[in-house]
Amino acid sequence: MGSRRRWAVDFSYVSTAASSRDIPDPPGFSRASQDQDDSTLSRQKKDAEANWKAQVRLNLRICAFSFITIMRLIVTSVLESQVELS
């Protein structure tokens, strides 16, 4: 195990072949979407989580309101049936 490397890449080689930037992108592909940095992705994740939490809070309010309304209807119908029996 010497200090010499087994592999080495020579970046100074200039190819005459077309580079990947010269080849047009296929339809629907965008290089910009791959170039997003971590801060953008982090912000999008936080926004998605905030939207999800807001939706959960709204659903809980709707559920509570529905429960109270149903209970009120049940109590009202029970009271009306007791009035009819007496």
Protein backbone atom coordinates (compact mmCIF):
# COMPACT_ATOMS: atom_id res chain seq x y z
CA MET A 1 0.00 0.00 0.00
CA GLY A 2 1.95 2.91 -1.29
CA SER A 3 1.06 6.55 -1.49
CA ARG A 4 0.51 6.28 -5.25
CA ARG A 5 -3.06 6.22 -6.48
CA ARG A 6 -4.30 3.40 -8.65
CA TRP A 7 -6.84 5.60 -10.40
CA ALA A 8 -6.53 9.12 -11.67
CA VAL A 9 -8.82 11.26 -13.75
CA ASP A 10 -7.34 13.69 -16.21
CA PHE A 11 -9.69 16.69 -16.52
CA SER A 12 -7.38 18.49 -18.90
CA TYR A 13 -8.41 16.20 -21.79
CA VAL A 14 -10.52 18.12 -24.32
CA SER A 15 -12.87 15.93 -26.31
CA THR A 16 -14.08 16.77 -29.80
CA ALA A 17 -17.36 14.93 -29.16
CA ALA A 18 -20.54 16.83 -28.31
CA SER A 19 -20.97 17.59 -24.62
CA SER A 20 -24.14 16.83 -22.69
CA ARG A 21 -25.06 20.54 -22.79
CA ASP A 22 -25.07 20.46 -26.60
CA ILE A 23 -27.68 17.70 -26.71
CA PRO A 24 -31.23 19.09 -26.38
CA ASP A 25 -33.25 18.04 -23.36
CA PRO A 26 -36.24 15.74 -23.95
CA PRO A 27 -39.74 17.24 -23.73
CA GLY A 28 -40.88 17.79 -20.15
CA PHE A 29 -37.35 17.73 -18.72
CA SER A 30 -35.99 20.80 -17.00
CA ARG A 31 -32.42 21.18 -15.76
CA ALA A 32 -33.57 24.01 -13.50
CA SER A 33 -35.51 21.54 -11.37
CA GLN A 34 -32.29 19.65 -10.62
CA ASP A 35 -30.42 22.82 -9.72
CA GLN A 36 -32.62 23.78 -6.75
CA ASP A 37 -30.61 24.27 -3.62
CA ASP A 38 -31.32 22.85 -0.20
CA SER A 39 -32.80 26.07 1.16
CA THR A 40 -35.52 26.08 -1.49
CA LEU A 41 -36.38 22.46 -0.83
CA SER A 42 -36.37 23.07 2.92
CA ARG A 43 -38.69 26.07 2.55
CA GLN A 44 -41.06 24.04 0.33
CA LYS A 45 -41.10 21.25 2.91
CA LYS A 46 -41.88 23.71 5.72
CA ASP A 47 -44.66 25.30 3.64
CA ALA A 48 -46.16 21.89 2.89
CA GLU A 49 -46.05 20.96 6.58
CA ALA A 50 -47.67 24.26 7.58
CA ASN A 51 -50.44 23.74 5.01
CA TRP A 52 -50.99 20.19 6.27
CA LYS A 53 -51.24 21.38 9.89
CA ALA A 54 -53.71 24.10 8.90
CA GLN A 55 -55.83 21.49 7.09
CA VAL A 56 -55.78 19.21 10.14
CA ARG A 57 -56.88 22.08 12.41
CA LEU A 58 -59.72 22.92 10.03
CA ASN A 59 -60.82 19.29 9.90
CA LEU A 60 -60.84 19.12 13.71
CA ARG A 61 -63.01 22.24 13.93
CA ILE A 62 -65.44 20.85 11.36
CA CYS A 63 -65.54 17.51 13.17
CA ALA A 64 -66.22 19.16 16.53
CA PHE A 65 -68.98 21.32 15.04
CA SER A 66 -70.55 18.28 13.36
CA PHE A 67 -70.41 16.31 16.61
CA ILE A 68 -72.09 19.10 18.56
CA THR A 69 -74.76 19.50 15.89
CA ILE A 70 -75.51 15.77 15.80
CA MET A 71 -75.67 15.59 19.60
CA ARG A 72 -78.06 18.55 19.64
CA LEU A 73 -80.32 16.83 17.10
CA ILE A 74 -80.28 13.60 19.10
CA VAL A 75 -81.09 15.35 22.38
CA THR A 76 -83.86 17.35 20.70
CA SER A 77 -85.42 14.24 19.20
CA VAL A 78 -85.20 12.37 22.52
CA LEU A 79 -86.82 15.26 24.39
CA GLU A 80 -89.59 15.52 21.78
CA SER A 81 -90.27 11.80 22.03
CA GLN A 82 -90.51 12.06 25.82
CA VAL A 83 -93.01 14.91 25.50
CA GLU A 84 -95.17 12.78 23.19
CA LEU A 85 -95.12 9.86 25.65
CA SER A 86 -96.31 11.87 28.61
